[in-house]
Amino acid sequence: MEMLAYSFMQRAFLAVLMVGLLCSVLSFFVVLNKLSFMGAGISHAVLGGLAIGVLLGVNPLYTGGAFAVLIALLVGYISKHSKIGTDTVTGIFFVTGMALGITLISFKEGYYPELFSLLFGNVLAVSAADLRFLGVVMALVLLFIFLFFKELLTISFDEELARASGLPVTPLYLGLLVSVALTVVISVLVVGVNLAAALLVIPAATGFKLSRNYRVMLLLAVAVGLISGLGGLVISYNFNTPSGAAIVLCAAAIFFLSLLRSTAVRICSALFSAKKTADAFPAAKEKVKKPGRQ
């Protein structure tokens, strides 16, 4: 393809593949554990960590990653050891991180295009160093999921059963939150702070609409993540549109198509059942002897 003749497009292609794969796999557990708002909260709160990097002249991904992990651990600890719900704690850190980021950015004079890219995503600006950071994070998160897949699955379906079975529920839960935080940070490279949470929800939500088998759901989520990522990149290149928005819109389009498909199947199934009942009713009446003269 012509677009892959450019080095920046090659890096963008690799970044989209890596982020699409990682977000799709992790979205499986995000949807099962109802952590969608957690992903959205961390993706916006991480602005505080990114702003610290810009202010100190450090790579914002490093400070953003550390900040996101800290927030994830605090949210997990407070929600598990207090009567405050996870959504409430997440909402508090959501606005606190955003406020901190806005305040710190105001101290920095001048225009910073890299900050604009982090807010709205610019996969075409991904550097070789960014790819290395992305690769390390992807390897760590996927290794965690691979090693504890069955345990995470048990916690997702029945936390009480997991505790009764002797599983370390709290450490695994915190590990999952840290994985979400790190994935959000690297997703910022592709779709930006404002849209990072979408890649942690839409793939698995689409898989859930198409199948109730968790293996099939996971495979469908990965397929949606990769197809939407590559499709959005191609659209962005050919029509000169923002890459992050194009990727998320592709994922959303696939989700709505799956929604229409599920609705159509449900309507057809209801109509078929109604027709079957209507056809059986006259046959049943014929078997009943009508009272009359012999």
Protein backbone atom coordinates (compact mmCIF):
# COMPACT_ATOMS: atom_id res chain seq x y z
CA MET A 1 0.00 0.00 0.00
CA GLU A 2 1.12 3.54 -0.82
CA MET A 3 0.46 4.80 2.69
CA LEU A 4 2.98 2.36 4.18
CA ALA A 5 5.77 3.83 2.05
CA TYR A 6 6.18 6.56 4.67
CA SER A 7 8.03 5.83 7.90
CA PHE A 8 5.52 7.77 10.02
CA MET A 9 2.68 5.68 8.59
CA GLN A 10 4.59 2.49 9.36
CA ARG A 11 4.92 3.58 12.99
CA ALA A 12 1.25 4.56 13.06
CA PHE A 13 0.30 1.16 11.62
CA LEU A 14 2.25 -0.67 14.34
CA ALA A 15 0.85 1.57 17.07
CA VAL A 16 -2.73 0.97 15.93
CA LEU A 17 -2.21 -2.79 15.82
CA MET A 18 -0.65 -2.89 19.29
CA VAL A 19 -3.17 -0.57 20.93
CA GLY A 20 -6.09 -2.26 19.16
CA LEU A 21 -5.01 -5.69 20.36
CA LEU A 22 -4.32 -4.64 23.93
CA CYS A 23 -7.47 -2.54 24.36
CA SER A 24 -9.65 -5.28 22.88
CA VAL A 25 -8.33 -7.97 25.21
CA LEU A 26 -8.60 -5.73 28.26
CA SER A 27 -12.05 -4.46 27.25
CA PHE A 28 -13.30 -8.01 27.77
CA PHE A 29 -12.65 -7.69 31.52
CA VAL A 30 -13.67 -4.01 31.63
CA VAL A 31 -17.16 -4.87 30.34
CA LEU A 32 -17.54 -7.99 32.49
CA ASN A 33 -16.54 -6.09 35.65
CA LYS A 34 -18.56 -2.98 34.70
CA LEU A 35 -15.49 -0.74 34.78
CA SER A 36 -16.47 1.42 31.81
CA PHE A 37 -16.73 4.57 33.91
CA MET A 38 -13.42 3.69 35.54
CA GLY A 39 -11.76 3.78 32.12
CA ALA A 40 -13.39 7.11 31.29
CA GLY A 41 -12.44 8.56 34.66
CA ILE A 42 -8.78 7.55 34.44
CA SER A 43 -8.49 8.71 30.83
CA HIS A 44 -9.57 12.22 31.84
CA ALA A 45 -7.80 12.31 35.21
CA VAL A 46 -4.51 11.37 33.52
CA LEU A 47 -4.45 14.91 32.12
CA GLY A 48 -2.92 15.91 35.45
CA GLY A 49 0.00 13.53 34.95
CA LEU A 50 0.48 14.59 31.34
CA ALA A 51 0.57 18.24 32.41
CA ILE A 52 3.25 17.45 35.01
CA GLY A 53 5.43 16.01 32.24
CA VAL A 54 4.91 19.06 30.03
CA LEU A 55 5.69 21.40 32.92
CA LEU A 56 8.87 19.54 33.92
CA GLY A 57 10.05 18.88 30.39
CA VAL A 58 9.74 15.10 30.82
CA ASN A 59 8.03 12.72 28.40
CA PRO A 60 4.33 13.14 29.34
CA LEU A 61 3.69 9.43 28.80
CA TYR A 62 6.01 8.53 31.67
CA THR A 63 4.50 10.98 34.16
CA GLY A 64 1.02 10.22 32.85
CA GLY A 65 1.60 6.49 33.34
CA ALA A 66 2.80 6.93 36.93
CA PHE A 67 -0.11 9.29 37.67
CA ALA A 68 -2.68 6.91 36.16
CA VAL A 69 -1.35 3.95 38.15
CA LEU A 70 -1.49 6.00 41.36
CA ILE A 71 -5.09 7.00 40.68
CA ALA A 72 -6.09 3.41 39.87
CA LEU A 73 -4.57 2.12 43.13
CA LEU A 74 -6.21 4.89 45.16
CA VAL A 75 -9.61 4.28 43.57
CA GLY A 76 -9.32 0.53 44.15
CA TYR A 77 -8.15 0.88 47.75
CA ILE A 78 -10.71 3.52 48.78
CA SER A 79 -13.63 1.71 47.13
CA LYS A 80 -12.68 -1.59 48.79
CA HIS A 81 -12.02 -0.17 52.27
CA SER A 82 -14.83 2.36 52.61
CA LYS A 83 -18.54 2.64 52.03
CA ILE A 84 -18.02 4.93 49.03
CA GLY A 85 -18.83 3.25 45.73
CA THR A 86 -16.31 2.82 42.93
CA ASP A 87 -18.22 5.17 40.61
CA THR A 88 -18.25 7.91 43.24
CA VAL A 89 -14.52 7.62 43.96
CA THR A 90 -13.77 7.52 40.23
CA GLY A 91 -15.86 10.64 39.67
CA ILE A 92 -13.94 12.51 42.38
CA PHE A 93 -10.55 11.65 40.87
CA PHE A 94 -11.95 12.32 37.39
CA VAL A 95 -12.59 16.00 38.11
CA THR A 96 -9.58 16.39 40.43
CA GLY A 97 -7.14 15.14 37.80
CA MET A 98 -8.72 17.32 35.11
CA ALA A 99 -8.60 20.39 37.37
CA LEU A 100 -4.97 19.71 38.27
CA GLY A 101 -4.03 19.34 34.62
CA ILE A 102 -5.78 22.56 33.58
CA THR A 103 -4.14 24.46 36.46
CA LEU A 104 -0.63 23.19 35.67
CA ILE A 105 -1.01 23.87 31.94
CA SER A 106 -1.91 27.48 32.74
CA PHE A 107 1.53 27.93 34.34
CA LYS A 108 3.26 27.07 31.07
CA GLU A 109 3.50 29.87 28.55
CA GLY A 110 3.38 29.37 24.80
CA TYR A 111 1.74 26.85 22.49
CA TYR A 112 2.53 23.14 22.80
CA PRO A 113 1.35 21.03 19.87
CA GLU A 114 2.34 17.79 21.63
CA LEU A 115 -0.20 18.56 24.37
CA PHE A 116 -2.89 19.09 21.74
CA SER A 117 -1.98 15.69 20.25
CA LEU A 118 -2.31 14.04 23.66
CA LEU A 119 -5.73 15.61 24.19
CA PHE A 120 -7.22 14.63 20.83
CA GLY A 121 -4.86 11.94 19.55
CA ASN A 122 -2.40 11.99 16.67
CA VAL A 123 -1.18 8.52 15.82
CA LEU A 124 0.79 9.95 12.89
CA ALA A 125 3.10 11.67 15.39
CA VAL A 126 4.07 8.44 17.19
CA SER A 127 7.86 8.19 17.54
CA ALA A 128 10.13 5.17 17.82
CA ALA A 129 10.51 5.85 21.55
CA ASP A 130 6.73 5.89 21.92
CA LEU A 131 6.54 2.52 20.18
CA ARG A 132 9.09 1.06 22.59
CA PHE A 133 7.12 2.35 25.57
CA LEU A 134 3.93 0.99 24.05
CA GLY A 135 5.57 -2.40 23.48
CA VAL A 136 6.76 -2.65 27.10
CA VAL A 137 3.33 -1.76 28.49
CA MET A 138 1.57 -4.16 26.12
CA ALA A 139 3.91 -7.00 27.08
CA LEU A 140 3.39 -6.41 30.82
CA VAL A 141 -0.40 -6.15 30.63
CA LEU A 142 -0.85 -9.14 28.32
CA LEU A 143 1.50 -11.21 30.50
CA PHE A 144 -0.60 -10.37 33.57
CA ILE A 145 -3.81 -11.35 31.76
CA PHE A 146 -2.27 -14.54 30.39
CA LEU A 147 -0.97 -15.68 33.78
CA PHE A 148 -4.18 -14.91 35.69
CA PHE A 149 -6.86 -15.29 33.00
CA LYS A 150 -8.86 -18.00 34.81
CA GLU A 151 -8.64 -16.17 38.13
CA LEU A 152 -9.73 -12.87 36.58
CA LEU A 153 -12.57 -14.66 34.83
CA THR A 154 -13.74 -16.20 38.13
CA ILE A 155 -13.66 -12.81 39.86
CA SER A 156 -15.58 -11.24 36.98
CA PHE A 157 -18.44 -13.76 37.17
CA ASP A 158 -18.61 -14.46 40.92
CA GLU A 159 -16.40 -12.57 43.37
CA GLU A 160 -17.79 -14.42 46.39
CA LEU A 161 -16.95 -17.77 44.83
CA ALA A 162 -13.46 -16.49 44.10
CA ARG A 163 -12.99 -15.51 47.76
CA ALA A 164 -14.35 -18.85 48.94
CA SER A 165 -11.90 -20.60 46.60
CA GLY A 166 -9.01 -18.80 48.25
CA LEU A 167 -8.15 -16.53 45.33
CA PRO A 168 -6.38 -13.23 46.18
CA VAL A 169 -9.30 -11.13 44.98
CA THR A 170 -8.06 -7.69 46.09
CA PRO A 171 -4.53 -7.96 44.58
CA LEU A 172 -5.97 -9.29 41.32
CA TYR A 173 -8.57 -6.52 41.23
CA LEU A 174 -5.90 -3.88 41.83
CA GLY A 175 -3.75 -5.51 39.14
CA LEU A 176 -6.67 -5.23 36.71
CA LEU A 177 -7.13 -1.55 37.58
CA VAL A 178 -3.42 -0.88 37.05
CA SER A 179 -3.66 -2.65 33.68
CA VAL A 180 -6.59 -0.40 32.76
CA ALA A 181 -4.60 2.68 33.81
CA LEU A 182 -1.53 1.75 31.76
CA THR A 183 -3.65 0.86 28.74
CA VAL A 184 -5.43 4.21 28.94
CA VAL A 185 -2.08 6.00 28.87
CA ILE A 186 -0.86 4.27 25.72
CA SER A 187 -4.30 4.69 24.11
CA VAL A 188 -3.77 8.42 24.45
CA LEU A 189 -1.11 8.10 21.73
CA VAL A 190 -3.72 6.90 19.24
CA VAL A 191 -7.05 8.53 20.14
CA GLY A 192 -6.19 11.11 22.82
CA VAL A 193 -7.40 11.71 26.37
CA ASN A 194 -10.98 12.47 25.36
CA LEU A 195 -11.58 9.24 23.43
CA ALA A 196 -9.24 6.73 25.12
CA ALA A 197 -12.03 5.09 27.12
CA ALA A 198 -13.92 4.20 23.93
CA LEU A 199 -11.38 1.55 22.97
CA LEU A 200 -11.81 -0.08 26.39
CA VAL A 201 -15.58 -0.45 26.00
CA ILE A 202 -16.77 -0.70 22.40
CA PRO A 203 -14.89 -3.86 21.26
CA ALA A 204 -16.12 -6.07 24.11
CA ALA A 205 -19.59 -4.49 24.06
CA THR A 206 -19.86 -5.47 20.39
CA GLY A 207 -18.68 -8.99 21.15
CA PHE A 208 -21.23 -9.23 23.96
CA LYS A 209 -24.05 -8.28 21.60
CA LEU A 210 -23.02 -10.97 19.11
CA SER A 211 -22.25 -13.86 21.46
CA ARG A 212 -22.71 -14.96 25.07
CA ASN A 213 -19.83 -17.43 24.86
CA TYR A 214 -16.86 -15.73 26.53
CA ARG A 215 -14.31 -17.27 24.15
CA VAL A 216 -16.21 -16.05 21.09
CA MET A 217 -16.84 -12.71 22.77
CA LEU A 218 -13.10 -12.24 23.34
CA LEU A 219 -12.23 -13.16 19.75
CA LEU A 220 -14.89 -10.81 18.40
CA ALA A 221 -13.60 -8.01 20.62
CA VAL A 222 -10.09 -8.45 19.24
CA ALA A 223 -11.43 -8.50 15.68
CA VAL A 224 -13.42 -5.30 16.26
CA GLY A 225 -10.43 -3.55 17.82
CA LEU A 226 -8.07 -4.41 14.97
CA ILE A 227 -10.57 -3.74 12.16
CA SER A 228 -11.68 -0.39 13.59
CA GLY A 229 -8.08 0.65 14.23
CA LEU A 230 -6.84 -0.15 10.74
CA GLY A 231 -10.05 1.09 9.12
CA GLY A 232 -9.85 4.39 10.98
CA LEU A 233 -6.21 4.81 10.01
CA VAL A 234 -7.01 4.27 6.32
CA ILE A 235 -9.93 6.73 6.50
CA SER A 236 -7.76 9.29 8.26
CA TYR A 237 -5.06 9.00 5.60
CA ASN A 238 -7.38 9.16 2.59
CA PHE A 239 -9.85 11.80 3.80
CA ASN A 240 -7.52 13.90 5.98
CA THR A 241 -9.61 13.43 9.13
CA PRO A 242 -8.39 13.19 12.76
CA SER A 243 -7.09 9.65 13.24
CA GLY A 244 -8.41 9.18 16.77
CA ALA A 245 -11.93 10.23 15.90
CA ALA A 246 -11.92 8.08 12.74
CA ILE A 247 -10.87 4.99 14.72
CA VAL A 248 -13.55 5.49 17.39
CA LEU A 249 -16.24 6.17 14.77
CA CYS A 250 -15.32 2.94 12.97
CA ALA A 251 -15.63 1.01 16.23
CA ALA A 252 -18.94 2.71 17.01
CA ALA A 253 -20.27 1.90 13.52
CA ILE A 254 -19.46 -1.78 14.01
CA PHE A 255 -21.21 -1.72 17.40
CA PHE A 256 -24.38 -0.17 15.98
CA LEU A 257 -24.38 -2.69 13.14
CA SER A 258 -24.17 -5.49 15.72
CA LEU A 259 -27.03 -3.83 17.61
CA LEU A 260 -29.17 -3.74 14.45
CA ARG A 261 -28.28 -7.35 13.74
CA SER A 262 -29.30 -8.45 17.24
CA THR A 263 -32.55 -6.49 17.00
CA ALA A 264 -33.34 -7.99 13.58
CA VAL A 265 -32.66 -11.52 14.86
CA ARG A 266 -34.90 -10.93 17.88
CA ILE A 267 -37.76 -9.58 15.73
CA CYS A 268 -37.47 -12.44 13.23
CA SER A 269 -37.43 -14.96 16.06
CA ALA A 270 -40.56 -13.43 17.58
CA LEU A 271 -42.36 -13.41 14.23
CA PHE A 272 -41.38 -17.03 13.57
CA SER A 273 -42.64 -18.09 17.00
CA ALA A 274 -45.91 -16.24 16.45
CA LYS A 275 -46.38 -17.86 13.04
CA LYS A 276 -45.60 -21.29 14.44
CA THR A 277 -48.16 -20.78 17.20
CA ALA A 278 -50.77 -19.57 14.72
CA ASP A 279 -50.19 -22.59 12.45
CA ALA A 280 -50.47 -25.00 15.36
CA PHE A 281 -53.69 -23.48 16.72
CA PRO A 282 -56.05 -24.55 13.83
CA ALA A 283 -54.53 -28.01 13.84
CA ALA A 284 -55.30 -28.30 17.52
CA LYS A 285 -58.88 -27.17 16.95
CA GLU A 286 -59.48 -29.83 14.33
CA LYS A 287 -58.64 -32.52 16.85
CA VAL A 288 -61.37 -31.32 19.14
CA LYS A 289 -64.75 -32.81 18.16
CA LYS A 290 -67.38 -30.19 17.75
CA PRO A 291 -70.65 -30.96 19.54
CA GLY A 292 -73.43 -31.75 17.07
CA ARG A 293 -75.93 -34.33 15.81
CA GLN A 294 -74.74 -37.88 15.29
